[in-house]
Amino acid sequence: RPKPAAEWRELSLATVGTHDMPPITGFVHG
């Protein structure tokens, strides 16, 4: 299941996606 925000790592760079995936809009549309 999606991990709640409070359980994410502190020592990290948090992003939604990466250059090897579509941007958000492209991703949600499959």
PDB file of all heavy atoms in Angstrom:
ATOM      1  N   ARG A   1       0.831  -1.198   0.000  1.00  0.00           N
ATOM      2  CA  ARG A   1       0.000   0.000   0.000  1.00  0.00           C
ATOM      3  C   ARG A   1       0.867   1.250   0.000  1.00  0.00           C
ATOM      4  O   ARG A   1       2.018   1.214   0.457  1.00  0.00           O
ATOM      5  CB  ARG A   1      -0.909  -0.002   1.230  1.00  0.00           C
ATOM      6  CG  ARG A   1      -1.907  -1.158   1.277  1.00  0.00           C
ATOM      7  CD  ARG A   1      -2.700  -1.140   2.578  1.00  0.00           C
ATOM      8  NE  ARG A   1      -1.817  -1.355   3.715  1.00  0.00           N
ATOM      9  CZ  ARG A   1      -1.504  -2.551   4.198  1.00  0.00           C
ATOM     10  NH1 ARG A   1      -1.978  -3.654   3.635  1.00  0.00           N
ATOM     11  NH2 ARG A   1      -0.693  -2.661   5.242  1.00  0.00           N
ATOM     12  N   PRO A   2       0.340   2.389  -0.495  1.00  0.00           N
ATOM     13  CA  PRO A   2       1.108   3.633  -0.462  1.00  0.00           C
ATOM     14  C   PRO A   2       1.583   3.949   0.953  1.00  0.00           C
ATOM     15  O   PRO A   2       0.820   3.825   1.917  1.00  0.00           O
ATOM     16  CB  PRO A   2       0.110   4.674  -0.955  1.00  0.00           C
ATOM     17  CG  PRO A   2      -0.852   3.915  -1.803  1.00  0.00           C
ATOM     18  CD  PRO A   2      -0.973   2.572  -1.150  1.00  0.00           C
ATOM     19  N   LYS A   3       2.826   4.347   1.068  1.00  0.00           N
ATOM     20  CA  LYS A   3       3.398   4.619   2.381  1.00  0.00           C
ATOM     21  C   LYS A   3       2.982   6.009   2.846  1.00  0.00           C
ATOM     22  O   LYS A   3       3.179   6.997   2.128  1.00  0.00           O
ATOM     23  CB  LYS A   3       4.927   4.516   2.308  1.00  0.00           C
ATOM     24  CG  LYS A   3       5.622   4.617   3.661  1.00  0.00           C
ATOM     25  CD  LYS A   3       7.129   4.512   3.509  1.00  0.00           C
ATOM     26  CE  LYS A   3       7.561   3.116   3.077  1.00  0.00           C
ATOM     27  NZ  LYS A   3       9.038   2.996   3.047  1.00  0.00           N
ATOM     28  N   PRO A   4       2.408   6.135   4.037  1.00  0.00           N
ATOM     29  CA  PRO A   4       2.022   7.456   4.549  1.00  0.00           C
ATOM     30  C   PRO A   4       3.218   8.393   4.609  1.00  0.00           C
ATOM     31  O   PRO A   4       4.362   7.965   4.810  1.00  0.00           O
ATOM     32  CB  PRO A   4       1.478   7.144   5.955  1.00  0.00           C
ATOM     33  CG  PRO A   4       1.059   5.708   5.884  1.00  0.00           C
ATOM     34  CD  PRO A   4       2.037   5.048   4.951  1.00  0.00           C
ATOM     35  N   ALA A   5       2.952   9.683   4.463  1.00  0.00           N
ATOM     36  CA  ALA A   5       4.030  10.670   4.385  1.00  0.00           C
ATOM     37  C   ALA A   5       4.953  10.617   5.593  1.00  0.00           C
ATOM     38  O   ALA A   5       6.180  10.748   5.458  1.00  0.00           O
ATOM     39  CB  ALA A   5       3.434  12.069   4.226  1.00  0.00           C
ATOM     40  N   ALA A   6       4.403  10.427   6.779  1.00  0.00           N
ATOM     41  CA  ALA A   6       5.209  10.449   7.999  1.00  0.00           C
ATOM     42  C   ALA A   6       6.211   9.307   8.057  1.00  0.00           C
ATOM     43  O   ALA A   6       7.185   9.368   8.821  1.00  0.00           O
ATOM     44  CB  ALA A   6       4.298  10.409   9.224  1.00  0.00           C
ATOM     45  N   GLU A   7       6.003   8.245   7.268  1.00  0.00           N
ATOM     46  CA  GLU A   7       6.881   7.071   7.315  1.00  0.00           C
ATOM     47  C   GLU A   7       8.013   7.131   6.289  1.00  0.00           C
ATOM     48  O   GLU A   7       8.821   6.202   6.217  1.00  0.00           O
ATOM     49  CB  GLU A   7       6.042   5.812   7.096  1.00  0.00           C
ATOM     50  CG  GLU A   7       5.011   5.560   8.196  1.00  0.00           C
ATOM     51  CD  GLU A   7       4.193   4.311   7.949  1.00  0.00           C
ATOM     52  OE1 GLU A   7       4.593   3.495   7.071  1.00  0.00           O
ATOM     53  OE2 GLU A   7       3.146   4.136   8.605  1.00  0.00           O
ATOM     54  N   TRP A   8       8.086   8.198   5.515  1.00  0.00           N
ATOM     55  CA  TRP A   8       9.167   8.321   4.535  1.00  0.00           C
ATOM     56  C   TRP A   8      10.480   8.645   5.237  1.00  0.00           C
ATOM     57  O   TRP A   8      10.504   9.138   6.364  1.00  0.00           O
ATOM     58  CB  TRP A   8       8.836   9.425   3.530  1.00  0.00           C
ATOM     59  CG  TRP A   8       7.796   9.050   2.519  1.00  0.00           C
ATOM     60  CD1 TRP A   8       6.665   8.321   2.735  1.00  0.00           C
ATOM     61  CD2 TRP A   8       7.789   9.414   1.148  1.00  0.00           C
ATOM     62  NE1 TRP A   8       5.943   8.200   1.573  1.00  0.00           N
ATOM     63  CE2 TRP A   8       6.613   8.871   0.574  1.00  0.00           C
ATOM     64  CE3 TRP A   8       8.641  10.143   0.335  1.00  0.00           C
ATOM     65  CZ2 TRP A   8       6.289   9.035  -0.767  1.00  0.00           C
ATOM     66  CZ3 TRP A   8       8.321  10.311  -1.005  1.00  0.00           C
ATOM     67  CH2 TRP A   8       7.161   9.757  -1.546  1.00  0.00           C
ATOM     68  N   ARG A   9      11.575   8.383   4.528  1.00  0.00           N
ATOM     69  CA  ARG A   9      12.898   8.679   5.073  1.00  0.00           C
ATOM     70  C   ARG A   9      13.133  10.180   5.159  1.00  0.00           C
ATOM     71  O   ARG A   9      12.734  10.935   4.277  1.00  0.00           O
ATOM     72  CB  ARG A   9      13.986   8.074   4.191  1.00  0.00           C
ATOM     73  CG  ARG A   9      14.076   6.585   4.200  1.00  0.00           C
ATOM     74  CD  ARG A   9      15.223   6.118   3.308  1.00  0.00           C
ATOM     75  NE  ARG A   9      14.944   6.268   1.899  1.00  0.00           N
ATOM     76  CZ  ARG A   9      15.823   6.000   0.922  1.00  0.00           C
ATOM     77  NH1 ARG A   9      17.044   5.594   1.233  1.00  0.00           N
ATOM     78  NH2 ARG A   9      15.493   6.133  -0.336  1.00  0.00           N
ATOM     79  N   GLU A  10      13.837  10.578   6.206  1.00  0.00           N
ATOM     80  CA  GLU A  10      14.250  11.979   6.292  1.00  0.00           C
ATOM     81  C   GLU A  10      15.450  12.244   5.388  1.00  0.00           C
ATOM     82  O   GLU A  10      15.491  13.241   4.663  1.00  0.00           O
ATOM     83  CB  GLU A  10      14.603  12.346   7.731  1.00  0.00           C
ATOM     84  CG  GLU A  10      15.098  13.791   7.862  1.00  0.00           C
ATOM     85  CD  GLU A  10      15.564  14.137   9.262  1.00  0.00           C
ATOM     86  OE1 GLU A  10      15.562  13.242  10.126  1.00  0.00           O
ATOM     87  OE2 GLU A  10      15.956  15.302   9.468  1.00  0.00           O
ATOM     88  N   LEU A  11      16.431  11.359   5.433  1.00  0.00           N
ATOM     89  CA  LEU A  11      17.635  11.560   4.621  1.00  0.00           C
ATOM     90  C   LEU A  11      17.386  11.049   3.208  1.00  0.00           C
ATOM     91  O   LEU A  11      17.818   9.966   2.813  1.00  0.00           O
ATOM     92  CB  LEU A  11      18.827  10.848   5.257  1.00  0.00           C
ATOM     93  CG  LEU A  11      19.360  11.479   6.542  1.00  0.00           C
ATOM     94  CD1 LEU A  11      20.587  10.722   7.037  1.00  0.00           C
ATOM     95  CD2 LEU A  11      19.711  12.944   6.331  1.00  0.00           C
ATOM     96  N   SER A  12      16.661  11.840   2.447  1.00  0.00           N
ATOM     97  CA  SER A  12      16.372  11.442   1.076  1.00  0.00           C
ATOM     98  C   SER A  12      16.028  12.659   0.239  1.00  0.00           C
ATOM     99  O   SER A  12      15.688  13.730   0.763  1.00  0.00           O
ATOM    100  CB  SER A  12      15.212  10.439   1.015  1.00  0.00           C
ATOM    101  OG  SER A  12      13.981  11.085   1.272  1.00  0.00           O
ATOM    102  N   LEU A  13      16.136  12.466  -1.056  1.00  0.00           N
ATOM    103  CA  LEU A  13      15.551  13.361  -2.052  1.00  0.00           C
ATOM    104  C   LEU A  13      14.233  12.725  -2.454  1.00  0.00           C
ATOM    105  O   LEU A  13      14.217  11.622  -3.012  1.00  0.00           O
ATOM    106  CB  LEU A  13      16.473  13.502  -3.267  1.00  0.00           C
ATOM    107  CG  LEU A  13      15.833  14.091  -4.523  1.00  0.00           C
ATOM    108  CD1 LEU A  13      15.487  15.562  -4.323  1.00  0.00           C
ATOM    109  CD2 LEU A  13      16.759  13.926  -5.731  1.00  0.00           C
ATOM    110  N   ALA A  14      13.129  13.391  -2.164  1.00  0.00           N
ATOM    111  CA  ALA A  14      11.807  12.856  -2.469  1.00  0.00           C
ATOM    112  C   ALA A  14      11.283  13.488  -3.758  1.00  0.00           C
ATOM    113  O   ALA A  14      11.279  14.706  -3.899  1.00  0.00           O
ATOM    114  CB  ALA A  14      10.842  13.139  -1.323  1.00  0.00           C
ATOM    115  N   THR A  15      10.863  12.646  -4.680  1.00  0.00           N
ATOM    116  CA  THR A  15      10.280  13.107  -5.938  1.00  0.00           C
ATOM    117  C   THR A  15       9.069  12.242  -6.256  1.00  0.00           C
ATOM    118  O   THR A  15       8.887  11.175  -5.678  1.00  0.00           O
ATOM    119  CB  THR A  15      11.286  13.011  -7.097  1.00  0.00           C
ATOM    120  OG1 THR A  15      11.597  11.633  -7.344  1.00  0.00           O
ATOM    121  CG2 THR A  15      12.568  13.778  -6.805  1.00  0.00           C
ATOM    122  N   VAL A  16       8.275  12.717  -7.214  1.00  0.00           N
ATOM    123  CA  VAL A  16       7.148  11.900  -7.660  1.00  0.00           C
ATOM    124  C   VAL A  16       7.620  10.866  -8.668  1.00  0.00           C
ATOM    125  O   VAL A  16       7.320   9.681  -8.567  1.00  0.00           O
ATOM    126  CB  VAL A  16       6.028  12.773  -8.264  1.00  0.00           C
ATOM    127  CG1 VAL A  16       4.900  11.892  -8.808  1.00  0.00           C
ATOM    128  CG2 VAL A  16       5.481  13.733  -7.217  1.00  0.00           C
ATOM    129  N   GLY A  17       8.372  11.300  -9.660  1.00  0.00           N
ATOM    130  CA  GLY A  17       8.803  10.395 -10.725  1.00  0.00           C
ATOM    131  C   GLY A  17      10.277  10.534 -11.028  1.00  0.00           C
ATOM    132  O   GLY A  17      11.052  11.098 -10.255  1.00  0.00           O
ATOM    133  N   THR A  18      10.666  10.040 -12.181  1.00  0.00           N
ATOM    134  CA  THR A  18      12.045  10.081 -12.639  1.00  0.00           C
ATOM    135  C   THR A  18      12.054  10.252 -14.147  1.00  0.00           C
ATOM    136  O   THR A  18      11.020  10.102 -14.806  1.00  0.00           O
ATOM    137  CB  THR A  18      12.788   8.785 -12.236  1.00  0.00           C
ATOM    138  OG1 THR A  18      14.109   8.813 -12.777  1.00  0.00           O
ATOM    139  CG2 THR A  18      12.084   7.551 -12.765  1.00  0.00           C
ATOM    140  N   HIS A  19      13.232  10.548 -14.706  1.00  0.00           N
ATOM    141  CA  HIS A  19      13.326  10.787 -16.145  1.00  0.00           C
ATOM    142  C   HIS A  19      13.066   9.532 -16.972  1.00  0.00           C
ATOM    143  O   HIS A  19      12.872   9.619 -18.177  1.00  0.00           O
ATOM    144  CB  HIS A  19      14.702  11.363 -16.502  1.00  0.00           C
ATOM    145  CG  HIS A  19      15.849  10.529 -16.008  1.00  0.00           C
ATOM    146  ND1 HIS A  19      16.671  10.929 -14.983  1.00  0.00           N
ATOM    147  CD2 HIS A  19      16.308   9.311 -16.386  1.00  0.00           C
ATOM    148  CE1 HIS A  19      17.578  10.005 -14.756  1.00  0.00           C
ATOM    149  NE2 HIS A  19      17.386   9.009 -15.608  1.00  0.00           N
ATOM    150  N   ASP A  20      13.072   8.367 -16.338  1.00  0.00           N
ATOM    151  CA  ASP A  20      12.797   7.126 -17.056  1.00  0.00           C
ATOM    152  C   ASP A  20      11.303   6.775 -17.047  1.00  0.00           C
ATOM    153  O   ASP A  20      10.920   5.693 -17.497  1.00  0.00           O
ATOM    154  CB  ASP A  20      13.577   5.962 -16.434  1.00  0.00           C
ATOM    155  CG  ASP A  20      15.071   6.052 -16.736  1.00  0.00           C
ATOM    156  OD1 ASP A  20      15.434   6.678 -17.745  1.00  0.00           O
ATOM    157  OD2 ASP A  20      15.864   5.492 -15.960  1.00  0.00           O
ATOM    158  N   MET A  21      10.494   7.672 -16.527  1.00  0.00           N
ATOM    159  CA  MET A  21       9.048   7.481 -16.491  1.00  0.00           C
ATOM    160  C   MET A  21       8.388   8.741 -17.041  1.00  0.00           C
ATOM    161  O   MET A  21       9.016   9.798 -17.083  1.00  0.00           O
ATOM    162  CB  MET A  21       8.581   7.241 -15.044  1.00  0.00           C
ATOM    163  CG  MET A  21       9.216   6.036 -14.380  1.00  0.00           C
ATOM    164  SD  MET A  21       8.910   6.014 -12.594  1.00  0.00           S
ATOM    165  CE  MET A  21       7.121   5.787 -12.593  1.00  0.00           C
ATOM    166  N   PRO A  22       7.133   8.658 -17.453  1.00  0.00           N
ATOM    167  CA  PRO A  22       6.468   9.878 -17.913  1.00  0.00           C
ATOM    168  C   PRO A  22       6.290  10.862 -16.761  1.00  0.00           C
ATOM    169  O   PRO A  22       6.262  10.459 -15.590  1.00  0.00           O
ATOM    170  CB  PRO A  22       5.098   9.383 -18.400  1.00  0.00           C
ATOM    171  CG  PRO A  22       5.200   7.914 -18.507  1.00  0.00           C
ATOM    172  CD  PRO A  22       6.251   7.484 -17.532  1.00  0.00           C
ATOM    173  N   PRO A  23       6.167  12.146 -17.063  1.00  0.00           N
ATOM    174  CA  PRO A  23       5.759  13.086 -16.020  1.00  0.00           C
ATOM    175  C   PRO A  23       4.416  12.667 -15.426  1.00  0.00           C
ATOM    176  O   PRO A  23       3.747  11.760 -15.937  1.00  0.00           O
ATOM    177  CB  PRO A  23       5.657  14.419 -16.776  1.00  0.00           C
ATOM    178  CG  PRO A  23       6.538  14.246 -17.973  1.00  0.00           C
ATOM    179  CD  PRO A  23       6.417  12.803 -18.349  1.00  0.00           C
ATOM    180  N   ILE A  24       4.006  13.338 -14.370  1.00  0.00           N
ATOM    181  CA  ILE A  24       2.824  12.913 -13.619  1.00  0.00           C
ATOM    182  C   ILE A  24       1.610  12.718 -14.509  1.00  0.00           C
ATOM    183  O   ILE A  24       0.937  11.675 -14.452  1.00  0.00           O
ATOM    184  CB  ILE A  24       2.510  13.930 -12.503  1.00  0.00           C
ATOM    185  CG1 ILE A  24       3.605  13.902 -11.443  1.00  0.00           C
ATOM    186  CG2 ILE A  24       1.152  13.616 -11.865  1.00  0.00           C
ATOM    187  CD1 ILE A  24       3.491  15.001 -10.405  1.00  0.00           C
ATOM    188  N   THR A  25       1.305  13.705 -15.349  1.00  0.00           N
ATOM    189  CA  THR A  25       0.092  13.620 -16.161  1.00  0.00           C
ATOM    190  C   THR A  25       0.142  12.433 -17.113  1.00  0.00           C
ATOM    191  O   THR A  25      -0.841  11.703 -17.276  1.00  0.00           O
ATOM    192  CB  THR A  25      -0.119  14.926 -16.940  1.00  0.00           C
ATOM    193  OG1 THR A  25      -0.173  16.019 -16.009  1.00  0.00           O
ATOM    194  CG2 THR A  25      -1.411  14.884 -17.728  1.00  0.00           C
ATOM    195  N   GLY A  26       1.291  12.209 -17.726  1.00  0.00           N
ATOM    196  CA  GLY A  26       1.418  11.058 -18.613  1.00  0.00           C
ATOM    197  C   GLY A  26       1.309   9.744 -17.861  1.00  0.00           C
ATOM    198  O   GLY A  26       0.721   8.780 -18.350  1.00  0.00           O
ATOM    199  N   PHE A  27       1.867   9.726 -16.649  1.00  0.00           N
ATOM    200  CA  PHE A  27       1.836   8.491 -15.868  1.00  0.00           C
ATOM    201  C   PHE A  27       0.417   8.123 -15.448  1.00  0.00           C
ATOM    202  O   PHE A  27       0.000   6.965 -15.593  1.00  0.00           O
ATOM    203  CB  PHE A  27       2.730   8.632 -14.636  1.00  0.00           C
ATOM    204  CG  PHE A  27       2.824   7.382 -13.811  1.00  0.00           C
ATOM    205  CD1 PHE A  27       3.725   6.386 -14.137  1.00  0.00           C
ATOM    206  CD2 PHE A  27       2.010   7.192 -12.708  1.00  0.00           C
ATOM    207  CE1 PHE A  27       3.819   5.225 -13.384  1.00  0.00           C
ATOM    208  CE2 PHE A  27       2.091   6.041 -11.942  1.00  0.00           C
ATOM    209  CZ  PHE A  27       2.998   5.050 -12.285  1.00  0.00           C
ATOM    210  N   VAL A  28      -0.338   9.097 -14.934  1.00  0.00           N
ATOM    211  CA  VAL A  28      -1.676   8.754 -14.442  1.00  0.00           C
ATOM    212  C   VAL A  28      -2.588   8.311 -15.583  1.00  0.00           C
ATOM    213  O   VAL A  28      -3.523   7.527 -15.372  1.00  0.00           O
ATOM    214  CB  VAL A  28      -2.313   9.918 -13.654  1.00  0.00           C
ATOM    215  CG1 VAL A  28      -1.469  10.269 -12.441  1.00  0.00           C
ATOM    216  CG2 VAL A  28      -2.544  11.137 -14.518  1.00  0.00           C
ATOM    217  N   HIS A  29      -2.312   8.768 -16.796  1.00  0.00           N
ATOM    218  CA  HIS A  29      -3.102   8.337 -17.948  1.00  0.00           C
ATOM    219  C   HIS A  29      -2.572   7.038 -18.560  1.00  0.00           C
ATOM    220  O   HIS A  29      -3.108   6.574 -19.574  1.00  0.00           O
ATOM    221  CB  HIS A  29      -3.140   9.439 -19.010  1.00  0.00           C
ATOM    222  CG  HIS A  29      -4.060  10.573 -18.658  1.00  0.00           C
ATOM    223  ND1 HIS A  29      -5.420  10.526 -18.858  1.00  0.00           N
ATOM    224  CD2 HIS A  29      -3.811  11.778 -18.093  1.00  0.00           C
ATOM    225  CE1 HIS A  29      -5.980  11.657 -18.447  1.00  0.00           C
ATOM    226  NE2 HIS A  29      -5.013  12.439 -17.971  1.00  0.00           N
ATOM    227  N   GLY A  30      -1.515   6.459 -17.972  1.00  0.00           N
ATOM    228  CA  GLY A  30      -1.008   5.181 -18.453  1.00  0.00           C
ATOM    229  C   GLY A  30      -0.236   5.262 -19.752  1.00  0.00           C
ATOM    230  O   GLY A  30      -0.104   4.252 -20.456  1.00  0.00           O
TER     231      GLY A  30
END
